[in-house]
PDB file of N, CA and C in Angstrom:
ATOM      1  N   CYS A   1     208.205 181.870 325.269  1.00  0.00           N
ATOM      2  CA  CYS A   1     207.467 181.497 326.356  1.00  0.00           C
ATOM      3  C   CYS A   1     207.336 182.278 327.719  1.00  0.00           C
ATOM      4  N   ALA A   2     208.826 182.533 328.691  1.00  0.00           N
ATOM      5  CA  ALA A   2     208.049 183.053 329.456  1.00  0.00           C
ATOM      6  C   ALA A   2     208.907 184.860 328.810  1.00  0.00           C
ATOM      7  N   VAL A   3     209.053 184.506 328.786  1.00  0.00           N
ATOM      8  CA  VAL A   3     209.160 186.495 328.076  1.00  0.00           C
ATOM      9  C   VAL A   3     207.647 186.819 327.396  1.00  0.00           C
ATOM     10  N   TRP A   4     207.191 185.988 326.889  1.00  0.00           N
ATOM     11  CA  TRP A   4     205.461 186.470 326.406  1.00  0.00           C
ATOM     12  C   TRP A   4     204.780 186.552 327.995  1.00  0.00           C
ATOM     13  N   ARG A   5     205.151 185.255 329.082  1.00  0.00           N
ATOM     14  CA  ARG A   5     204.222 185.743 330.592  1.00  0.00           C
ATOM     15  C   ARG A   5     204.911 187.056 330.511  1.00  0.00           C
ATOM     16  N   GLN A   6     206.376 187.518 330.973  1.00  0.00           N
ATOM     17  CA  GLN A   6     206.357 188.185 331.550  1.00  0.00           C
ATOM     18  C   GLN A   6     206.056 189.728 331.002  1.00  0.00           C
ATOM     19  N   TRP A   7     205.172 189.647 329.939  1.00  0.00           N
ATOM     20  CA  TRP A   7     204.834 190.754 329.694  1.00  0.00           C
ATOM     21  C   TRP A   7     203.292 190.287 329.246  1.00  0.00           C
ATOM     22  N   LYS A   8     202.373 191.040 330.407  1.00  0.00           N
ATOM     23  CA  LYS A   8     201.310 189.915 330.815  1.00  0.00           C
ATOM     24  C   LYS A   8     200.296 190.649 330.217  1.00  0.00           C
ATOM     25  N   GLN A   9     200.414 192.655 329.089  1.00  0.00           N
ATOM     26  CA  GLN A   9     198.864 192.766 328.693  1.00  0.00           C
ATOM     27  C   GLN A   9     199.341 192.668 327.337  1.00  0.00           C
ATOM     28  N   PRO A  10     198.381 192.579 326.478  1.00  0.00           N
ATOM     29  CA  PRO A  10     198.677 192.557 324.763  1.00  0.00           C
ATOM     30  C   PRO A  10     199.076 193.739 325.011  1.00  0.00           C
ATOM     31  N   SER A  11     198.757 195.078 324.733  1.00  0.00           N
ATOM     32  CA  SER A  11     200.008 196.358 324.529  1.00  0.00           C
ATOM     33  C   SER A  11     201.320 196.623 324.675  1.00  0.00           C
ATOM     34  N   THR A  12     201.790 196.099 326.096  1.00  0.00           N
ATOM     35  CA  THR A  12     202.985 195.783 326.669  1.00  0.00           C
ATOM     36  C   THR A  12     203.560 195.227 325.657  1.00  0.00           C
ATOM     37  N   ARG A  13     202.802 193.964 324.964  1.00  0.00           N
ATOM     38  CA  ARG A  13     203.578 192.690 324.360  1.00  0.00           C
ATOM     39  C   ARG A  13     203.774 193.219 322.636  1.00  0.00           C
ATOM     40  N   ALA A  14     202.687 194.401 322.808  1.00  0.00           N
ATOM     41  CA  ALA A  14     202.877 195.353 320.620  1.00  0.00           C
ATOM     42  C   ALA A  14     204.418 196.363 320.749  1.00  0.00           C
ATOM     43  N   ARG A  15     204.141 196.709 322.246  1.00  0.00           N
ATOM     44  CA  ARG A  15     205.009 197.993 322.756  1.00  0.00           C
ATOM     45  C   ARG A  15     206.838 197.229 322.325  1.00  0.00           C
ATOM     46  N   ASN A  16     206.636 196.000 323.149  1.00  0.00           N
ATOM     47  CA  ASN A  16     207.874 195.214 323.422  1.00  0.00           C
ATOM     48  C   ASN A  16     208.191 194.759 321.743  1.00  0.00           C
ATOM     49  N   LEU A  17     207.515 193.983 321.392  1.00  0.00           N
ATOM     50  CA  LEU A  17     207.825 193.785 319.478  1.00  0.00           C
ATOM     51  C   LEU A  17     207.915 194.680 318.955  1.00  0.00           C
ATOM     52  N   MET A  18     207.541 196.037 319.110  1.00  0.00           N
ATOM     53  CA  MET A  18     208.460 197.128 318.509  1.00  0.00           C
ATOM     54  C   MET A  18     209.243 197.389 318.782  1.00  0.00           C
ATOM     55  N   ARG A  19     209.890 197.496 320.185  1.00  0.00           N
ATOM     56  CA  ARG A  19     211.221 197.819 319.863  1.00  0.00           C
ATOM     57  C   ARG A  19     212.028 196.838 319.124  1.00  0.00           C
ATOM     58  N   LEU A  20     211.861 195.214 319.645  1.00  0.00           N
ATOM     59  CA  LEU A  20     212.478 195.327 319.384  1.00  0.00           C
ATOM     60  C   LEU A  20     212.464 194.497 317.925  1.00  0.00           C
ATOM     61  N   GLY A  21     212.031 195.637 316.584  1.00  0.00           N
ATOM     62  CA  GLY A  21     212.645 195.759 315.971  1.00  0.00           C
ATOM     63  C   GLY A  21     210.953 195.048 314.679  1.00  0.00           C
ATOM     64  N   LEU A  22     209.973 194.478 315.202  1.00  0.00           N
ATOM     65  CA  LEU A  22     208.514 194.053 314.453  1.00  0.00           C
ATOM     66  C   LEU A  22     207.950 195.890 313.967  1.00  0.00           C
ATOM     67  N   SER A  23     207.554 195.168 312.933  1.00  0.00           N
ATOM     68  CA  SER A  23     206.791 196.717 312.231  1.00  0.00           C
ATOM     69  C   SER A  23     205.248 196.848 313.188  1.00  0.00           C
ATOM     70  N   GLU A  24     204.800 198.362 313.309  1.00  0.00           N
ATOM     71  CA  GLU A  24     203.812 198.444 314.373  1.00  0.00           C
ATOM     72  C   GLU A  24     202.269 197.477 313.857  1.00  0.00           C
ATOM     73  N   PRO A  25     202.128 196.819 312.572  1.00  0.00           N
ATOM     74  CA  PRO A  25     200.925 195.752 311.934  1.00  0.00           C
ATOM     75  C   PRO A  25     201.006 194.405 312.966  1.00  0.00           C
ATOM     76  N   ARG A  26     202.137 194.145 312.577  1.00  0.00           N
ATOM     77  CA  ARG A  26     202.916 192.754 312.803  1.00  0.00           C
ATOM     78  C   ARG A  26     202.487 193.128 314.405  1.00  0.00           C
ATOM     79  N   ALA A  27     203.494 193.848 315.070  1.00  0.00           N
ATOM     80  CA  ALA A  27     203.364 193.531 316.551  1.00  0.00           C
ATOM     81  C   ALA A  27     202.198 193.860 317.073  1.00  0.00           C
ATOM     82  N   TYR A  28     201.014 194.293 316.636  1.00  0.00           N
ATOM     83  CA  TYR A  28     199.613 194.031 317.123  1.00  0.00           C
ATOM     84  C   TYR A  28     198.805 193.201 317.025  1.00  0.00           C
ATOM     85  N   LYS A  29     199.091 192.715 315.501  1.00  0.00           N
ATOM     86  CA  LYS A  29     198.054 191.918 314.940  1.00  0.00           C
ATOM     87  C   LYS A  29     198.950 190.736 315.927  1.00  0.00           C
ATOM     88  N   SER A  30     199.919 190.664 315.823  1.00  0.00           N
ATOM     89  CA  SER A  30     201.113 189.111 316.976  1.00  0.00           C
ATOM     90  C   SER A  30     200.193 189.126 318.803  1.00  0.00           C
ATOM     91  N   ALA A  31     200.477 190.950 319.329  1.00  0.00           N
ATOM     92  CA  ALA A  31     200.204 190.463 320.381  1.00  0.00           C
ATOM     93  C   ALA A  31     199.047 190.665 320.866  1.00  0.00           C
ATOM     94  N   PHE A  32     197.820 190.814 320.149  1.00  0.00           N
ATOM     95  CA  PHE A  32     196.199 190.385 320.031  1.00  0.00           C
ATOM     96  C   PHE A  32     195.608 189.585 319.616  1.00  0.00           C
ATOM     97  N   ASN A  33     196.678 188.538 319.261  1.00  0.00           N
ATOM     98  CA  ASN A  33     195.748 187.220 318.441  1.00  0.00           C
ATOM     99  C   ASN A  33     195.242 185.779 319.738  1.00  0.00           C
ATOM    100  N   GLY A  34     196.184 186.590 320.660  1.00  0.00           N
ATOM    101  CA  GLY A  34     194.674 185.642 321.612  1.00  0.00           C
ATOM    102  C   GLY A  34     195.376 184.646 321.750  1.00  0.00           C
ATOM    103  N   ARG A  35     196.262 184.351 320.920  1.00  0.00           N
ATOM    104  CA  ARG A  35     196.762 182.396 321.432  1.00  0.00           C
ATOM    105  C   ARG A  35     197.705 182.872 322.911  1.00  0.00           C
ATOM    106  N   GLY A  36     198.471 181.691 323.098  1.00  0.00           N
ATOM    107  CA  GLY A  36     198.549 181.423 324.308  1.00  0.00           C
ATOM    108  C   GLY A  36     200.422 181.432 324.114  1.00  0.00           C
ATOM    109  N   PRO A  37     200.712 182.258 325.355  1.00  0.00           N
ATOM    110  CA  PRO A  37     202.306 181.752 325.800  1.00  0.00           C
ATOM    111  C   PRO A  37     203.177 180.428 324.541  1.00  0.00           C
ATOM    112  N   TRP A  38     202.437 179.574 324.096  1.00  0.00           N
ATOM    113  CA  TRP A  38     203.296 178.354 323.880  1.00  0.00           C
ATOM    114  C   TRP A  38     203.411 178.456 322.344  1.00  0.00           C
ATOM    115  N   TRP A  39     201.732 178.907 322.037  1.00  0.00           N
ATOM    116  CA  TRP A  39     201.803 178.726 320.367  1.00  0.00           C
ATOM    117  C   TRP A  39     202.746 180.312 320.119  1.00  0.00           C
ATOM    118  N   SER A  40     202.774 181.020 320.771  1.00  0.00           N
ATOM    119  CA  SER A  40     203.725 182.515 320.116  1.00  0.00           C
ATOM    120  C   SER A  40     204.729 181.805 320.312  1.00  0.00           C
ATOM    121  N   SER A  41     205.604 181.345 321.168  1.00  0.00           N
ATOM    122  CA  SER A  41     206.974 180.753 321.550  1.00  0.00           C
ATOM    123  C   SER A  41     207.513 180.211 319.857  1.00  0.00           C
ATOM    124  N   GLY A  42     206.460 179.571 319.462  1.00  0.00           N
ATOM    125  CA  GLY A  42     206.769 179.114 318.365  1.00  0.00           C
ATOM    126  C   GLY A  42     206.160 179.861 316.552  1.00  0.00           C
ATOM    127  N   ALA A  43     205.617 180.683 317.005  1.00  0.00           N
ATOM    128  CA  ALA A  43     205.487 181.479 315.716  1.00  0.00           C
ATOM    129  C   ALA A  43     206.714 182.800 314.998  1.00  0.00           C
ATOM    130  N   SER A  44     206.252 183.018 314.076  1.00  0.00           N
ATOM    131  CA  SER A  44     207.100 184.136 313.243  1.00  0.00           C
ATOM    132  C   SER A  44     207.491 185.075 313.874  1.00  0.00           C
ATOM    133  N   HIS A  45     206.319 185.091 314.371  1.00  0.00           N
ATOM    134  CA  HIS A  45     206.558 186.864 314.891  1.00  0.00           C
ATOM    135  C   HIS A  45     207.616 186.530 316.620  1.00  0.00           C
ATOM    136  N   MET A  46     207.747 185.586 317.264  1.00  0.00           N
ATOM    137  CA  MET A  46     208.788 185.780 318.005  1.00  0.00           C
ATOM    138  C   MET A  46     209.888 185.539 317.724  1.00  0.00           C
ATOM    139  N   ASN A  47     210.609 184.588 316.517  1.00  0.00           N
ATOM    140  CA  ASN A  47     211.120 184.175 316.123  1.00  0.00           C
ATOM    141  C   ASN A  47     211.940 185.184 315.027  1.00  0.00           C
ATOM    142  N   GLN A  48     211.180 185.956 314.835  1.00  0.00           N
ATOM    143  CA  GLN A  48     212.217 187.259 314.577  1.00  0.00           C
ATOM    144  C   GLN A  48     212.245 188.239 315.485  1.00  0.00           C
ATOM    145  N   ALA A  49     211.583 188.511 316.509  1.00  0.00           N
ATOM    146  CA  ALA A  49     212.023 190.357 317.033  1.00  0.00           C
ATOM    147  C   ALA A  49     212.844 188.571 317.954  1.00  0.00           C
ATOM    148  N   LEU A  50     212.750 187.721 318.601  1.00  0.00           N
ATOM    149  CA  LEU A  50     214.129 187.452 319.461  1.00  0.00           C
ATOM    150  C   LEU A  50     215.122 186.242 319.071  1.00  0.00           C
ATOM    151  N   PRO A  51     215.553 186.236 318.114  1.00  0.00           N
ATOM    152  CA  PRO A  51     216.377 185.249 317.169  1.00  0.00           C
ATOM    153  C   PRO A  51     217.106 184.307 318.486  1.00  0.00           C
ATOM    154  N   LYS A  52     217.546 183.063 317.535  1.00  0.00           N
ATOM    155  CA  LYS A  52     218.503 182.434 318.800  1.00  0.00           C
ATOM    156  C   LYS A  52     220.076 183.267 318.738  1.00  0.00           C
ATOM    157  N   LYS A  53     220.411 183.663 318.012  1.00  0.00           N
ATOM    158  CA  LYS A  53     221.431 184.638 318.034  1.00  0.00           C
ATOM    159  C   LYS A  53     221.418 185.423 319.913  1.00  0.00           C
ATOM    160  N   LEU A  54     219.717 186.299 319.459  1.00  0.00           N
ATOM    161  CA  LEU A  54     220.037 186.477 321.054  1.00  0.00           C
ATOM    162  C   LEU A  54     220.054 185.734 322.303  1.00  0.00           C
ATOM    163  N   TRP A  55     219.988 185.020 322.365  1.00  0.00           N
ATOM    164  CA  TRP A  55     219.738 184.078 323.326  1.00  0.00           C
ATOM    165  C   TRP A  55     221.334 183.141 323.749  1.00  0.00           C
ATOM    166  N   ASP A  56     222.023 182.771 322.560  1.00  0.00           N
ATOM    167  CA  ASP A  56     223.094 182.877 322.163  1.00  0.00           C
ATOM    168  C   ASP A  56     224.369 183.845 323.196  1.00  0.00           C
ATOM    169  N   GLN A  57     223.999 184.999 322.719  1.00  0.00           N
ATOM    170  CA  GLN A  57     224.766 185.987 323.181  1.00  0.00           C
ATOM    171  C   GLN A  57     224.447 186.446 325.124  1.00  0.00           C
ATOM    172  N   LEU A  58     222.961 185.995 325.627  1.00  0.00           N
ATOM    173  CA  LEU A  58     222.986 186.570 326.886  1.00  0.00           C
ATOM    174  C   LEU A  58     223.138 185.295 327.375  1.00  0.00           C
ATOM    175  N   GLY A  59     223.805 183.978 326.999  1.00  0.00           N
ATOM    176  CA  GLY A  59     224.700 183.067 327.343  1.00  0.00           C
ATOM    177  C   GLY A  59     223.395 181.811 327.603  1.00  0.00           C
ATOM    178  N   LEU A  60     222.714 181.794 326.804  1.00  0.00           N
ATOM    179  CA  LEU A  60     221.436 181.054 327.894  1.00  0.00           C
ATOM    180  C   LEU A  60     222.015 179.187 326.704  1.00  0.00           C
ATOM    181  N   VAL A  61     222.297 178.153 327.245  1.00  0.00           N
ATOM    182  CA  VAL A  61     222.536 176.947 327.055  1.00  0.00           C
ATOM    183  C   VAL A  61     221.058 176.259 325.766  1.00  0.00           C
ATOM    184  N   SER A  62     221.721 176.133 324.439  1.00  0.00           N
ATOM    185  CA  SER A  62     220.314 175.778 323.672  1.00  0.00           C
ATOM    186  C   SER A  62     220.465 173.995 324.197  1.00  0.00           C
ATOM    187  N   VAL A  63     219.527 173.515 324.059  1.00  0.00           N
ATOM    188  CA  VAL A  63     219.259 172.224 324.294  1.00  0.00           C
ATOM    189  C   VAL A  63     219.932 171.418 322.927  1.00  0.00           C
ATOM    190  N   LEU A  64     219.671 172.529 321.802  1.00  0.00           N
ATOM    191  CA  LEU A  64     219.682 171.589 320.586  1.00  0.00           C
ATOM    192  C   LEU A  64     221.309 171.351 320.472  1.00  0.00           C
ATOM    193  N   ASP A  65     221.322 172.722 320.350  1.00  0.00           N
ATOM    194  CA  ASP A  65     222.697 172.496 320.418  1.00  0.00           C
ATOM    195  C   ASP A  65     223.507 171.855 321.124  1.00  0.00           C
ATOM    196  N   THR A  66     223.408 171.243 321.875  1.00  0.00           N
ATOM    197  CA  THR A  66     223.926 170.458 323.069  1.00  0.00           C
ATOM    198  C   THR A  66     224.357 169.093 322.648  1.00  0.00           C
ATOM    199  N   ILE A  67     223.123 168.782 322.240  1.00  0.00           N
ATOM    200  CA  ILE A  67     222.633 167.285 321.654  1.00  0.00           C
ATOM    201  C   ILE A  67     223.675 167.932 320.511  1.00  0.00           C
ATOM    202  N   ASN A  68     223.522 168.505 319.554  1.00  0.00           N
ATOM    203  CA  ASN A  68     224.278 168.068 318.053  1.00  0.00           C
ATOM    204  C   ASN A  68     226.006 168.371 319.154  1.00  0.00           C
ATOM    205  N   ARG A  69     226.470 168.799 319.581  1.00  0.00           N
ATOM    206  CA  ARG A  69     227.735 168.756 319.948  1.00  0.00           C
ATOM    207  C   ARG A  69     227.854 167.419 320.852  1.00  0.00           C
ATOM    208  N   LEU A  70     227.100 166.848 321.380  1.00  0.00           N
ATOM    209  CA  LEU A  70     227.462 165.301 322.252  1.00  0.00           C
ATOM    210  C   LEU A  70     227.648 163.952 321.160  1.00  0.00           C
ATOM    211  N   SER A  71     226.517 164.514 320.404  1.00  0.00           N
ATOM    212  CA  SER A  71     226.583 163.235 318.851  1.00  0.00           C
ATOM    213  C   SER A  71     227.497 163.514 317.861  1.00  0.00           C
ATOM    214  N   ARG A  72     228.548 164.380 317.916  1.00  0.00           N
ATOM    215  CA  ARG A  72     229.609 164.430 317.134  1.00  0.00           C
ATOM    216  C   ARG A  72     230.494 164.643 317.852  1.00  0.00           C
ATOM    217  N   ILE A  73     231.105 163.540 319.141  1.00  0.00           N
ATOM    218  CA  ILE A  73     231.421 163.270 320.773  1.00  0.00           C
ATOM    219  C   ILE A  73     231.661 161.781 320.025  1.00  0.00           C
ATOM    220  N   ALA A  74     230.387 160.938 320.178  1.00  0.00           N
ATOM    221  CA  ALA A  74     229.821 160.626 320.365  1.00  0.00           C
ATOM    222  C   ALA A  74     230.222 158.880 318.614  1.00  0.00           C
TER     223      ALA A  74
END
């Protein structure tokens, strides 16, 4: 959601999605879909371009992973 908002223009979104590995037709279809950042954050094109593994490598804490880890401890 935050990344989508940083890429303010649809053309910027398409260009960045292509840099992240999406094909040109899929990137343009995703960038110009008219949906907001909340919808796009859960869409398959964002999960393909920005997988969970990338966020883990950046050191961001996953709420779901934390809940699962804490439930195993308790």
